ModelCIF file with pLDDT and N, C-alpha, C, O atoms, coordinates in Angstrom:
data_MODEL
#
_entry.id   MODEL 
#
_entity.id                         1 
_entity.type                       polymer 
_entity.pdbx_number_of_molecules   1 
#
_entity_poly.entity_id                      1 
_entity_poly.type                           'polypeptide(L)' 
_entity_poly.nstd_linkage                   no 
_entity_poly.nstd_monomer                   no 
_entity_poly.pdbx_seq_one_letter_code       
;(UNK)(UNK)(UNK)(UNK)(UNK)(UNK)(UNK)(UNK)(UNK)(UNK)(UNK)(UNK)(UNK)(UNK)(UNK)(UNK)
(UNK)(UNK)(UNK)(UNK)(UNK)(UNK)(UNK)(UNK)(UNK)(UNK)(UNK)(UNK)(UNK)(UNK)(UNK)(UNK)
(UNK)(UNK)(UNK)(UNK)(UNK)(UNK)(UNK)(UNK)(UNK)(UNK)(UNK)(UNK)(UNK)(UNK)
;
_entity_poly.pdbx_seq_one_letter_code_can   XXXXXXXXXXXXXXXXXXXXXXXXXXXXXXXXXXXXXXXXXXXXXX 
_entity_poly.pdbx_strand_id                 A 
#
loop_
_entity_poly_seq.entity_id 
_entity_poly_seq.num 
_entity_poly_seq.mon_id 
_entity_poly_seq.hetero 
1 1  UNK n 
1 2  UNK n 
1 3  UNK n 
1 4  UNK n 
1 5  UNK n 
1 6  UNK n 
1 7  UNK n 
1 8  UNK n 
1 9  UNK n 
1 10 UNK n 
1 11 UNK n 
1 12 UNK n 
1 13 UNK n 
1 14 UNK n 
1 15 UNK n 
1 16 UNK n 
1 17 UNK n 
1 18 UNK n 
1 19 UNK n 
1 20 UNK n 
1 21 UNK n 
1 22 UNK n 
1 23 UNK n 
1 24 UNK n 
1 25 UNK n 
1 26 UNK n 
1 27 UNK n 
1 28 UNK n 
1 29 UNK n 
1 30 UNK n 
1 31 UNK n 
1 32 UNK n 
1 33 UNK n 
1 34 UNK n 
1 35 UNK n 
1 36 UNK n 
1 37 UNK n 
1 38 UNK n 
1 39 UNK n 
1 40 UNK n 
1 41 UNK n 
1 42 UNK n 
1 43 UNK n 
1 44 UNK n 
1 45 UNK n 
1 46 UNK n 
#
_struct_asym.id          A 
_struct_asym.entity_id   1 
#
loop_
_ma_qa_metric.id 
_ma_qa_metric.mode 
_ma_qa_metric.name 
_ma_qa_metric.software_group_id 
_ma_qa_metric.type 
1 global pLDDT . pLDDT 
2 local  pLDDT . pLDDT 
#
_ma_qa_metric_global.metric_id      1 
_ma_qa_metric_global.metric_value   68.39 
_ma_qa_metric_global.model_id       1 
_ma_qa_metric_global.ordinal_id     1 
#
loop_
_ma_qa_metric_local.label_asym_id 
_ma_qa_metric_local.label_comp_id 
_ma_qa_metric_local.label_seq_id 
_ma_qa_metric_local.metric_id 
_ma_qa_metric_local.metric_value 
_ma_qa_metric_local.model_id 
_ma_qa_metric_local.ordinal_id 
A UNK 1  2 50.00 1 1  
A UNK 2  2 52.00 1 2  
A UNK 3  2 56.00 1 3  
A UNK 4  2 54.00 1 4  
A UNK 5  2 56.00 1 5  
A UNK 6  2 53.00 1 6  
A UNK 7  2 57.00 1 7  
A UNK 8  2 69.00 1 8  
A UNK 9  2 78.00 1 9  
A UNK 10 2 86.00 1 10 
A UNK 11 2 90.00 1 11 
A UNK 12 2 91.00 1 12 
A UNK 13 2 91.00 1 13 
A UNK 14 2 91.00 1 14 
A UNK 15 2 90.00 1 15 
A UNK 16 2 90.00 1 16 
A UNK 17 2 91.00 1 17 
A UNK 18 2 93.00 1 18 
A UNK 19 2 92.00 1 19 
A UNK 20 2 93.00 1 20 
A UNK 21 2 94.00 1 21 
A UNK 22 2 95.00 1 22 
A UNK 23 2 94.00 1 23 
A UNK 24 2 94.00 1 24 
A UNK 25 2 94.00 1 25 
A UNK 26 2 92.00 1 26 
A UNK 27 2 91.00 1 27 
A UNK 28 2 87.00 1 28 
A UNK 29 2 83.00 1 29 
A UNK 30 2 74.00 1 30 
A UNK 31 2 63.00 1 31 
A UNK 32 2 51.00 1 32 
A UNK 33 2 47.00 1 33 
A UNK 34 2 48.00 1 34 
A UNK 35 2 47.00 1 35 
A UNK 36 2 47.00 1 36 
A UNK 37 2 43.00 1 37 
A UNK 38 2 43.00 1 38 
A UNK 39 2 43.00 1 39 
A UNK 40 2 43.00 1 40 
A UNK 41 2 38.00 1 41 
A UNK 42 2 40.00 1 42 
A UNK 43 2 42.00 1 43 
A UNK 44 2 42.00 1 44 
A UNK 45 2 43.00 1 45 
A UNK 46 2 45.00 1 46 
#
loop_
_atom_site.group_PDB 
_atom_site.id 
_atom_site.type_symbol 
_atom_site.label_atom_id 
_atom_site.label_alt_id 
_atom_site.label_comp_id 
_atom_site.label_asym_id 
_atom_site.label_entity_id 
_atom_site.label_seq_id 
_atom_site.pdbx_PDB_ins_code 
_atom_site.Cartn_x 
_atom_site.Cartn_y 
_atom_site.Cartn_z 
_atom_site.occupancy 
_atom_site.B_iso_or_equiv 
_atom_site.pdbx_formal_charge 
_atom_site.auth_seq_id 
_atom_site.auth_comp_id 
_atom_site.auth_asym_id 
_atom_site.auth_atom_id 
_atom_site.pdbx_PDB_model_num 
ATOM 1   N N  . UNK A 1 1  ? 12.228  15.990  -21.294 1.00 50.00 ? 1  UNK A N  1 
ATOM 2   C CA . UNK A 1 1  ? 12.403  14.989  -20.382 1.00 50.00 ? 1  UNK A CA 1 
ATOM 3   C C  . UNK A 1 1  ? 11.571  14.521  -19.323 1.00 50.00 ? 1  UNK A C  1 
ATOM 4   O O  . UNK A 1 1  ? 10.434  14.345  -19.760 1.00 50.00 ? 1  UNK A O  1 
ATOM 5   N N  . UNK A 1 2  ? 11.661  14.265  -18.191 1.00 52.00 ? 2  UNK A N  1 
ATOM 6   C CA . UNK A 1 2  ? 10.967  14.077  -16.978 1.00 52.00 ? 2  UNK A CA 1 
ATOM 7   C C  . UNK A 1 2  ? 10.007  15.536  -16.593 1.00 52.00 ? 2  UNK A C  1 
ATOM 8   O O  . UNK A 1 2  ? 10.721  16.533  -16.700 1.00 52.00 ? 2  UNK A O  1 
ATOM 9   N N  . UNK A 1 3  ? 9.030   15.764  -16.309 1.00 56.00 ? 3  UNK A N  1 
ATOM 10  C CA . UNK A 1 3  ? 8.436   16.631  -16.032 1.00 56.00 ? 3  UNK A CA 1 
ATOM 11  C C  . UNK A 1 3  ? 8.520   17.230  -14.652 1.00 56.00 ? 3  UNK A C  1 
ATOM 12  O O  . UNK A 1 3  ? 8.174   16.757  -13.569 1.00 56.00 ? 3  UNK A O  1 
ATOM 13  N N  . UNK A 1 4  ? 9.277   18.840  -15.078 1.00 54.00 ? 4  UNK A N  1 
ATOM 14  C CA . UNK A 1 4  ? 9.654   19.410  -13.997 1.00 54.00 ? 4  UNK A CA 1 
ATOM 15  C C  . UNK A 1 4  ? 8.353   20.701  -13.270 1.00 54.00 ? 4  UNK A C  1 
ATOM 16  O O  . UNK A 1 4  ? 7.638   21.458  -13.927 1.00 54.00 ? 4  UNK A O  1 
ATOM 17  N N  . UNK A 1 5  ? 8.420   20.571  -11.877 1.00 56.00 ? 5  UNK A N  1 
ATOM 18  C CA . UNK A 1 5  ? 7.645   21.534  -11.338 1.00 56.00 ? 5  UNK A CA 1 
ATOM 19  C C  . UNK A 1 5  ? 8.533   22.622  -10.693 1.00 56.00 ? 5  UNK A C  1 
ATOM 20  O O  . UNK A 1 5  ? 9.440   22.275  -9.938  1.00 56.00 ? 5  UNK A O  1 
ATOM 21  N N  . UNK A 1 6  ? 8.311   23.893  -10.956 1.00 53.00 ? 6  UNK A N  1 
ATOM 22  C CA . UNK A 1 6  ? 8.971   24.915  -10.491 1.00 53.00 ? 6  UNK A CA 1 
ATOM 23  C C  . UNK A 1 6  ? 8.392   25.608  -10.052 1.00 53.00 ? 6  UNK A C  1 
ATOM 24  O O  . UNK A 1 6  ? 7.286   25.918  -10.493 1.00 53.00 ? 6  UNK A O  1 
ATOM 25  N N  . UNK A 1 7  ? 9.023   26.212  -8.815  1.00 57.00 ? 7  UNK A N  1 
ATOM 26  C CA . UNK A 1 7  ? 8.471   27.078  -7.789  1.00 57.00 ? 7  UNK A CA 1 
ATOM 27  C C  . UNK A 1 7  ? 8.085   26.010  -6.585  1.00 57.00 ? 7  UNK A C  1 
ATOM 28  O O  . UNK A 1 7  ? 8.133   24.781  -6.627  1.00 57.00 ? 7  UNK A O  1 
ATOM 29  N N  . UNK A 1 8  ? 7.701   26.852  -5.530  1.00 69.00 ? 8  UNK A N  1 
ATOM 30  C CA . UNK A 1 8  ? 7.206   26.068  -4.501  1.00 69.00 ? 8  UNK A CA 1 
ATOM 31  C C  . UNK A 1 8  ? 5.810   25.308  -4.702  1.00 69.00 ? 8  UNK A C  1 
ATOM 32  O O  . UNK A 1 8  ? 4.925   25.741  -5.441  1.00 69.00 ? 8  UNK A O  1 
ATOM 33  N N  . UNK A 1 9  ? 5.736   24.393  -4.128  1.00 78.00 ? 9  UNK A N  1 
ATOM 34  C CA . UNK A 1 9  ? 4.381   23.432  -4.234  1.00 78.00 ? 9  UNK A CA 1 
ATOM 35  C C  . UNK A 1 9  ? 3.330   23.767  -3.435  1.00 78.00 ? 9  UNK A C  1 
ATOM 36  O O  . UNK A 1 9  ? 3.354   23.588  -2.217  1.00 78.00 ? 9  UNK A O  1 
ATOM 37  N N  . UNK A 1 10 ? 2.309   24.290  -4.091  1.00 86.00 ? 10 UNK A N  1 
ATOM 38  C CA . UNK A 1 10 ? 0.979   24.655  -3.142  1.00 86.00 ? 10 UNK A CA 1 
ATOM 39  C C  . UNK A 1 10 ? -0.054  23.514  -3.495  1.00 86.00 ? 10 UNK A C  1 
ATOM 40  O O  . UNK A 1 10 ? -0.684  23.397  -4.546  1.00 86.00 ? 10 UNK A O  1 
ATOM 41  N N  . UNK A 1 11 ? -0.090  22.629  -2.287  1.00 90.00 ? 11 UNK A N  1 
ATOM 42  C CA . UNK A 1 11 ? -1.257  21.667  -2.692  1.00 90.00 ? 11 UNK A CA 1 
ATOM 43  C C  . UNK A 1 11 ? -2.388  22.294  -2.165  1.00 90.00 ? 11 UNK A C  1 
ATOM 44  O O  . UNK A 1 11 ? -3.408  21.621  -2.319  1.00 90.00 ? 11 UNK A O  1 
ATOM 45  N N  . UNK A 1 12 ? -2.559  23.454  -1.544  1.00 91.00 ? 12 UNK A N  1 
ATOM 46  C CA . UNK A 1 12 ? -3.978  23.855  -1.154  1.00 91.00 ? 12 UNK A CA 1 
ATOM 47  C C  . UNK A 1 12 ? -4.610  24.530  -2.596  1.00 91.00 ? 12 UNK A C  1 
ATOM 48  O O  . UNK A 1 12 ? -5.828  24.463  -2.762  1.00 91.00 ? 12 UNK A O  1 
ATOM 49  N N  . UNK A 1 13 ? -3.817  25.132  -3.556  1.00 91.00 ? 13 UNK A N  1 
ATOM 50  C CA . UNK A 1 13 ? -4.606  25.121  -4.978  1.00 91.00 ? 13 UNK A CA 1 
ATOM 51  C C  . UNK A 1 13 ? -4.971  23.913  -5.501  1.00 91.00 ? 13 UNK A C  1 
ATOM 52  O O  . UNK A 1 13 ? -6.068  23.688  -6.011  1.00 91.00 ? 13 UNK A O  1 
ATOM 53  N N  . UNK A 1 14 ? -3.770  22.865  -5.345  1.00 91.00 ? 14 UNK A N  1 
ATOM 54  C CA . UNK A 1 14 ? -4.258  21.742  -6.322  1.00 91.00 ? 14 UNK A CA 1 
ATOM 55  C C  . UNK A 1 14 ? -5.772  21.134  -5.425  1.00 91.00 ? 14 UNK A C  1 
ATOM 56  O O  . UNK A 1 14 ? -6.681  20.682  -6.121  1.00 91.00 ? 14 UNK A O  1 
ATOM 57  N N  . UNK A 1 15 ? -5.878  21.156  -4.445  1.00 90.00 ? 15 UNK A N  1 
ATOM 58  C CA . UNK A 1 15 ? -7.026  20.235  -3.548  1.00 90.00 ? 15 UNK A CA 1 
ATOM 59  C C  . UNK A 1 15 ? -8.163  21.316  -3.758  1.00 90.00 ? 15 UNK A C  1 
ATOM 60  O O  . UNK A 1 15 ? -9.268  20.789  -3.634  1.00 90.00 ? 15 UNK A O  1 
ATOM 61  N N  . UNK A 1 16 ? -8.229  22.727  -4.051  1.00 90.00 ? 16 UNK A N  1 
ATOM 62  C CA . UNK A 1 16 ? -9.286  23.401  -4.139  1.00 90.00 ? 16 UNK A CA 1 
ATOM 63  C C  . UNK A 1 16 ? -9.431  22.994  -5.799  1.00 90.00 ? 16 UNK A C  1 
ATOM 64  O O  . UNK A 1 16 ? -10.594 22.751  -6.119  1.00 90.00 ? 16 UNK A O  1 
ATOM 65  N N  . UNK A 1 17 ? -8.675  22.911  -6.625  1.00 91.00 ? 17 UNK A N  1 
ATOM 66  C CA . UNK A 1 17 ? -9.553  22.680  -7.586  1.00 91.00 ? 17 UNK A CA 1 
ATOM 67  C C  . UNK A 1 17 ? -9.925  21.223  -8.211  1.00 91.00 ? 17 UNK A C  1 
ATOM 68  O O  . UNK A 1 17 ? -10.549 21.014  -9.252  1.00 91.00 ? 17 UNK A O  1 
ATOM 69  N N  . UNK A 1 18 ? -9.488  20.457  -7.485  1.00 93.00 ? 18 UNK A N  1 
ATOM 70  C CA . UNK A 1 18 ? -9.745  18.875  -7.450  1.00 93.00 ? 18 UNK A CA 1 
ATOM 71  C C  . UNK A 1 18 ? -10.908 18.397  -6.815  1.00 93.00 ? 18 UNK A C  1 
ATOM 72  O O  . UNK A 1 18 ? -11.763 17.706  -7.370  1.00 93.00 ? 18 UNK A O  1 
ATOM 73  N N  . UNK A 1 19 ? -10.926 18.778  -5.628  1.00 92.00 ? 19 UNK A N  1 
ATOM 74  C CA . UNK A 1 19 ? -11.826 18.236  -4.544  1.00 92.00 ? 19 UNK A CA 1 
ATOM 75  C C  . UNK A 1 19 ? -13.398 18.067  -5.134  1.00 92.00 ? 19 UNK A C  1 
ATOM 76  O O  . UNK A 1 19 ? -14.228 17.222  -4.800  1.00 92.00 ? 19 UNK A O  1 
ATOM 77  N N  . UNK A 1 20 ? -13.500 18.909  -5.902  1.00 93.00 ? 20 UNK A N  1 
ATOM 78  C CA . UNK A 1 20 ? -15.215 18.760  -6.210  1.00 93.00 ? 20 UNK A CA 1 
ATOM 79  C C  . UNK A 1 20 ? -15.085 17.305  -6.962  1.00 93.00 ? 20 UNK A C  1 
ATOM 80  O O  . UNK A 1 20 ? -16.132 16.665  -7.057  1.00 93.00 ? 20 UNK A O  1 
ATOM 81  N N  . UNK A 1 21 ? -14.177 16.869  -7.372  1.00 94.00 ? 21 UNK A N  1 
ATOM 82  C CA . UNK A 1 21 ? -14.185 15.725  -8.543  1.00 94.00 ? 21 UNK A CA 1 
ATOM 83  C C  . UNK A 1 21 ? -14.063 14.593  -7.754  1.00 94.00 ? 21 UNK A C  1 
ATOM 84  O O  . UNK A 1 21 ? -14.434 13.560  -8.310  1.00 94.00 ? 21 UNK A O  1 
ATOM 85  N N  . UNK A 1 22 ? -13.553 14.460  -6.351  1.00 95.00 ? 22 UNK A N  1 
ATOM 86  C CA . UNK A 1 22 ? -13.418 13.566  -5.644  1.00 95.00 ? 22 UNK A CA 1 
ATOM 87  C C  . UNK A 1 22 ? -14.952 13.342  -4.910  1.00 95.00 ? 22 UNK A C  1 
ATOM 88  O O  . UNK A 1 22 ? -15.786 14.146  -4.493  1.00 95.00 ? 22 UNK A O  1 
ATOM 89  N N  . UNK A 1 23 ? -14.904 11.874  -4.960  1.00 94.00 ? 23 UNK A N  1 
ATOM 90  C CA . UNK A 1 23 ? -16.467 11.486  -4.374  1.00 94.00 ? 23 UNK A CA 1 
ATOM 91  C C  . UNK A 1 23 ? -16.145 10.307  -3.248  1.00 94.00 ? 23 UNK A C  1 
ATOM 92  O O  . UNK A 1 23 ? -15.102 9.670   -3.099  1.00 94.00 ? 23 UNK A O  1 
ATOM 93  N N  . UNK A 1 24 ? -17.312 10.235  -2.553  1.00 94.00 ? 24 UNK A N  1 
ATOM 94  C CA . UNK A 1 24 ? -17.446 9.216   -1.490  1.00 94.00 ? 24 UNK A CA 1 
ATOM 95  C C  . UNK A 1 24 ? -18.376 8.053   -2.104  1.00 94.00 ? 24 UNK A C  1 
ATOM 96  O O  . UNK A 1 24 ? -19.422 8.308   -2.700  1.00 94.00 ? 24 UNK A O  1 
ATOM 97  N N  . UNK A 1 25 ? -17.930 6.865   -1.916  1.00 94.00 ? 25 UNK A N  1 
ATOM 98  C CA . UNK A 1 25 ? -18.673 5.601   -2.054  1.00 94.00 ? 25 UNK A CA 1 
ATOM 99  C C  . UNK A 1 25 ? -18.747 4.719   -1.267  1.00 94.00 ? 25 UNK A C  1 
ATOM 100 O O  . UNK A 1 25 ? -17.803 4.260   -0.624  1.00 94.00 ? 25 UNK A O  1 
ATOM 101 N N  . UNK A 1 26 ? -20.352 4.232   -1.205  1.00 92.00 ? 26 UNK A N  1 
ATOM 102 C CA . UNK A 1 26 ? -20.926 3.574   -0.502  1.00 92.00 ? 26 UNK A CA 1 
ATOM 103 C C  . UNK A 1 26 ? -21.370 2.392   -1.039  1.00 92.00 ? 26 UNK A C  1 
ATOM 104 O O  . UNK A 1 26 ? -22.173 2.334   -1.970  1.00 92.00 ? 26 UNK A O  1 
ATOM 105 N N  . UNK A 1 27 ? -20.902 1.496   -0.517  1.00 91.00 ? 27 UNK A N  1 
ATOM 106 C CA . UNK A 1 27 ? -21.438 -0.163  -1.440  1.00 91.00 ? 27 UNK A CA 1 
ATOM 107 C C  . UNK A 1 27 ? -21.718 -1.007  -0.335  1.00 91.00 ? 27 UNK A C  1 
ATOM 108 O O  . UNK A 1 27 ? -20.880 -1.420  0.467   1.00 91.00 ? 27 UNK A O  1 
ATOM 109 N N  . UNK A 1 28 ? -23.011 -1.260  -0.329  1.00 87.00 ? 28 UNK A N  1 
ATOM 110 C CA . UNK A 1 28 ? -23.876 -2.391  0.314   1.00 87.00 ? 28 UNK A CA 1 
ATOM 111 C C  . UNK A 1 28 ? -24.390 -3.624  -0.377  1.00 87.00 ? 28 UNK A C  1 
ATOM 112 O O  . UNK A 1 28 ? -25.101 -3.572  -1.381  1.00 87.00 ? 28 UNK A O  1 
ATOM 113 N N  . UNK A 1 29 ? -23.963 -4.832  0.254   1.00 83.00 ? 29 UNK A N  1 
ATOM 114 C CA . UNK A 1 29 ? -24.481 -5.782  -0.038  1.00 83.00 ? 29 UNK A CA 1 
ATOM 115 C C  . UNK A 1 29 ? -25.634 -6.649  0.819   1.00 83.00 ? 29 UNK A C  1 
ATOM 116 O O  . UNK A 1 29 ? -25.641 -6.549  2.046   1.00 83.00 ? 29 UNK A O  1 
ATOM 117 N N  . UNK A 1 30 ? -26.581 -7.480  0.152   1.00 74.00 ? 30 UNK A N  1 
ATOM 118 C CA . UNK A 1 30 ? -27.691 -8.287  0.755   1.00 74.00 ? 30 UNK A CA 1 
ATOM 119 C C  . UNK A 1 30 ? -26.943 -9.486  1.370   1.00 74.00 ? 30 UNK A C  1 
ATOM 120 O O  . UNK A 1 30 ? -27.372 -9.873  2.457   1.00 74.00 ? 30 UNK A O  1 
ATOM 121 N N  . UNK A 1 31 ? -25.870 -10.142 0.828   1.00 63.00 ? 31 UNK A N  1 
ATOM 122 C CA . UNK A 1 31 ? -25.661 -11.467 1.323   1.00 63.00 ? 31 UNK A CA 1 
ATOM 123 C C  . UNK A 1 31 ? -24.423 -11.193 2.197   1.00 63.00 ? 31 UNK A C  1 
ATOM 124 O O  . UNK A 1 31 ? -23.811 -10.128 2.118   1.00 63.00 ? 31 UNK A O  1 
ATOM 125 N N  . UNK A 1 32 ? -24.046 -12.271 3.100   1.00 51.00 ? 32 UNK A N  1 
ATOM 126 C CA . UNK A 1 32 ? -22.771 -12.628 3.520   1.00 51.00 ? 32 UNK A CA 1 
ATOM 127 C C  . UNK A 1 32 ? -21.644 -12.745 2.800   1.00 51.00 ? 32 UNK A C  1 
ATOM 128 O O  . UNK A 1 32 ? -21.327 -13.929 2.681   1.00 51.00 ? 32 UNK A O  1 
ATOM 129 N N  . UNK A 1 33 ? -20.973 -12.059 2.316   1.00 47.00 ? 33 UNK A N  1 
ATOM 130 C CA . UNK A 1 33 ? -19.720 -12.194 1.921   1.00 47.00 ? 33 UNK A CA 1 
ATOM 131 C C  . UNK A 1 33 ? -18.288 -11.944 2.159   1.00 47.00 ? 33 UNK A C  1 
ATOM 132 O O  . UNK A 1 33 ? -18.247 -10.760 2.493   1.00 47.00 ? 33 UNK A O  1 
ATOM 133 N N  . UNK A 1 34 ? -17.056 -12.434 2.169   1.00 48.00 ? 34 UNK A N  1 
ATOM 134 C CA . UNK A 1 34 ? -16.075 -11.791 2.590   1.00 48.00 ? 34 UNK A CA 1 
ATOM 135 C C  . UNK A 1 34 ? -14.943 -11.158 1.386   1.00 48.00 ? 34 UNK A C  1 
ATOM 136 O O  . UNK A 1 34 ? -14.453 -11.696 0.393   1.00 48.00 ? 34 UNK A O  1 
ATOM 137 N N  . UNK A 1 35 ? -14.806 -9.972  1.884   1.00 47.00 ? 35 UNK A N  1 
ATOM 138 C CA . UNK A 1 35 ? -13.877 -9.295  0.829   1.00 47.00 ? 35 UNK A CA 1 
ATOM 139 C C  . UNK A 1 35 ? -12.687 -10.313 0.647   1.00 47.00 ? 35 UNK A C  1 
ATOM 140 O O  . UNK A 1 35 ? -12.237 -11.110 1.470   1.00 47.00 ? 35 UNK A O  1 
ATOM 141 N N  . UNK A 1 36 ? -12.321 -10.086 -0.579  1.00 47.00 ? 36 UNK A N  1 
ATOM 142 C CA . UNK A 1 36 ? -11.036 -10.872 -1.257  1.00 47.00 ? 36 UNK A CA 1 
ATOM 143 C C  . UNK A 1 36 ? -9.627  -10.151 -0.780  1.00 47.00 ? 36 UNK A C  1 
ATOM 144 O O  . UNK A 1 36 ? -8.571  -10.655 -0.399  1.00 47.00 ? 36 UNK A O  1 
ATOM 145 N N  . UNK A 1 37 ? -9.995  -8.889  -0.935  1.00 43.00 ? 37 UNK A N  1 
ATOM 146 C CA . UNK A 1 37 ? -8.544  -8.141  -0.535  1.00 43.00 ? 37 UNK A CA 1 
ATOM 147 C C  . UNK A 1 37 ? -8.901  -6.654  -0.231  1.00 43.00 ? 37 UNK A C  1 
ATOM 148 O O  . UNK A 1 37 ? -10.077 -6.312  -0.359  1.00 43.00 ? 37 UNK A O  1 
ATOM 149 N N  . UNK A 1 38 ? -8.139  -5.919  0.088   1.00 43.00 ? 38 UNK A N  1 
ATOM 150 C CA . UNK A 1 38 ? -8.323  -4.496  0.239   1.00 43.00 ? 38 UNK A CA 1 
ATOM 151 C C  . UNK A 1 38 ? -8.301  -3.750  2.041   1.00 43.00 ? 38 UNK A C  1 
ATOM 152 O O  . UNK A 1 38 ? -8.258  -4.473  3.036   1.00 43.00 ? 38 UNK A O  1 
ATOM 153 N N  . UNK A 1 39 ? -8.338  -2.392  2.095   1.00 43.00 ? 39 UNK A N  1 
ATOM 154 C CA . UNK A 1 39 ? -8.107  -2.163  3.339   1.00 43.00 ? 39 UNK A CA 1 
ATOM 155 C C  . UNK A 1 39 ? -9.412  -1.784  3.949   1.00 43.00 ? 39 UNK A C  1 
ATOM 156 O O  . UNK A 1 39 ? -9.483  -0.807  4.694   1.00 43.00 ? 39 UNK A O  1 
ATOM 157 N N  . UNK A 1 40 ? -10.451 -2.522  3.661   1.00 43.00 ? 40 UNK A N  1 
ATOM 158 C CA . UNK A 1 40 ? -11.943 -2.009  4.048   1.00 43.00 ? 40 UNK A CA 1 
ATOM 159 C C  . UNK A 1 40 ? -12.431 -3.235  5.156   1.00 43.00 ? 40 UNK A C  1 
ATOM 160 O O  . UNK A 1 40 ? -13.170 -3.032  6.119   1.00 43.00 ? 40 UNK A O  1 
ATOM 161 N N  . UNK A 1 41 ? -11.807 -4.602  4.759   1.00 38.00 ? 41 UNK A N  1 
ATOM 162 C CA . UNK A 1 41 ? -12.096 -5.680  5.079   1.00 38.00 ? 41 UNK A CA 1 
ATOM 163 C C  . UNK A 1 41 ? -11.163 -6.365  6.428   1.00 38.00 ? 41 UNK A C  1 
ATOM 164 O O  . UNK A 1 41 ? -9.969  -6.123  6.604   1.00 38.00 ? 41 UNK A O  1 
ATOM 165 N N  . UNK A 1 42 ? -11.825 -7.070  7.120   1.00 40.00 ? 42 UNK A N  1 
ATOM 166 C CA . UNK A 1 42 ? -11.236 -7.948  8.351   1.00 40.00 ? 42 UNK A CA 1 
ATOM 167 C C  . UNK A 1 42 ? -10.902 -9.112  7.258   1.00 40.00 ? 42 UNK A C  1 
ATOM 168 O O  . UNK A 1 42 ? -11.818 -9.620  6.612   1.00 40.00 ? 42 UNK A O  1 
ATOM 169 N N  . UNK A 1 43 ? -9.555  -9.504  7.085   1.00 42.00 ? 43 UNK A N  1 
ATOM 170 C CA . UNK A 1 43 ? -9.632  -10.717 6.490   1.00 42.00 ? 43 UNK A CA 1 
ATOM 171 C C  . UNK A 1 43 ? -9.559  -11.829 7.098   1.00 42.00 ? 43 UNK A C  1 
ATOM 172 O O  . UNK A 1 43 ? -8.844  -11.866 8.100   1.00 42.00 ? 43 UNK A O  1 
ATOM 173 N N  . UNK A 1 44 ? -10.269 -13.045 6.672   1.00 42.00 ? 44 UNK A N  1 
ATOM 174 C CA . UNK A 1 44 ? -10.605 -14.357 7.472   1.00 42.00 ? 44 UNK A CA 1 
ATOM 175 C C  . UNK A 1 44 ? -11.983 -14.210 8.195   1.00 42.00 ? 44 UNK A C  1 
ATOM 176 O O  . UNK A 1 44 ? -12.503 -15.268 8.550   1.00 42.00 ? 44 UNK A O  1 
ATOM 177 N N  . UNK A 1 45 ? -12.745 -12.870 8.502   1.00 43.00 ? 45 UNK A N  1 
ATOM 178 C CA . UNK A 1 45 ? -13.856 -12.970 9.226   1.00 43.00 ? 45 UNK A CA 1 
ATOM 179 C C  . UNK A 1 45 ? -15.107 -13.181 8.405   1.00 43.00 ? 45 UNK A C  1 
ATOM 180 O O  . UNK A 1 45 ? -15.321 -12.795 7.256   1.00 43.00 ? 45 UNK A O  1 
ATOM 181 N N  . UNK A 1 46 ? -15.748 -13.741 9.068   1.00 45.00 ? 46 UNK A N  1 
ATOM 182 C CA . UNK A 1 46 ? -17.210 -14.161 8.329   1.00 45.00 ? 46 UNK A CA 1 
ATOM 183 C C  . UNK A 1 46 ? -18.461 -12.946 8.916   1.00 45.00 ? 46 UNK A C  1 
ATOM 184 O O  . UNK A 1 46 ? -19.627 -13.023 8.527   1.00 45.00 ? 46 UNK A O  1 
#
C-alpha cells in the first residue's frame, strides 16, 4: 500500500547522502526582460 517509514526520521542522514547532488544555478541574460513568474522576480517591474 502506501509507503511506510519505520522508526524516527533522521534528515541529517538524508541531507548527507543527497547534498552532493544539489546544485546552485546562476542564470544571466544580456537583454532587459521581465520574468513571467517565479520567486526570483519582482512582478511588473522593468
